[in-house]
Amino acid sequence: MKVISLKIAQVLKAEQVTFFIVDCERQELWSKNAIGLNQELISIRIPFNTGIAGYVASTGRSVNIPDPYTDPRFNRKIDLETGFRTKNILCLPIFNSQQEVFAVAQILNKIGDIPFDREDEQKFFLLTKSLGVILETSILYIQQISTSRGEKD
């Protein structure tokens, strides 16, 4: 997941890409590839129906938000907890082979202090669509490893 995130960030000239996995059983989204202030990997868990990622997961619609602090769906708590400052967001659902949202890809902060544009949306869509099978396989593998280790995420 980390390599995929870094590649998408490089192609779209963004600071960070985070994948949130839909956990239907717990009704939440979780991520193990979010990056904190000191570039360390952090785990984020949020209720399924909150924040931008929650909106995208529950509706299956992508969003492009130039200033998340003006959007009522934005969950400021994550920025406060991580110390990361979100300036703009491009967020897209990722569908599994049954055409259900199984993950959400969230790109943060276009480099150059400009918002993401339509071209970025198209690139992002094509990248996630072509990577859907790989992402689904990777996520299932991560879930199996976590289960076998007795981890709760």
Foldseek 3Di string as FASTA:
>chain_A
DQVLFVVLCVVQQFDTKWKWFQDPVVQWTKTQADAAPVRDTDMDIDHLCAAPQSVCQVPQDKDKFQACVVPPRHDCVVCVVRVDDFRIKTKGFQAAPVRHGGMMMITGGRPPSGTGDPVSNVVVVVSRPVCRHVVVVVVVVVVVVCVVVVHPD
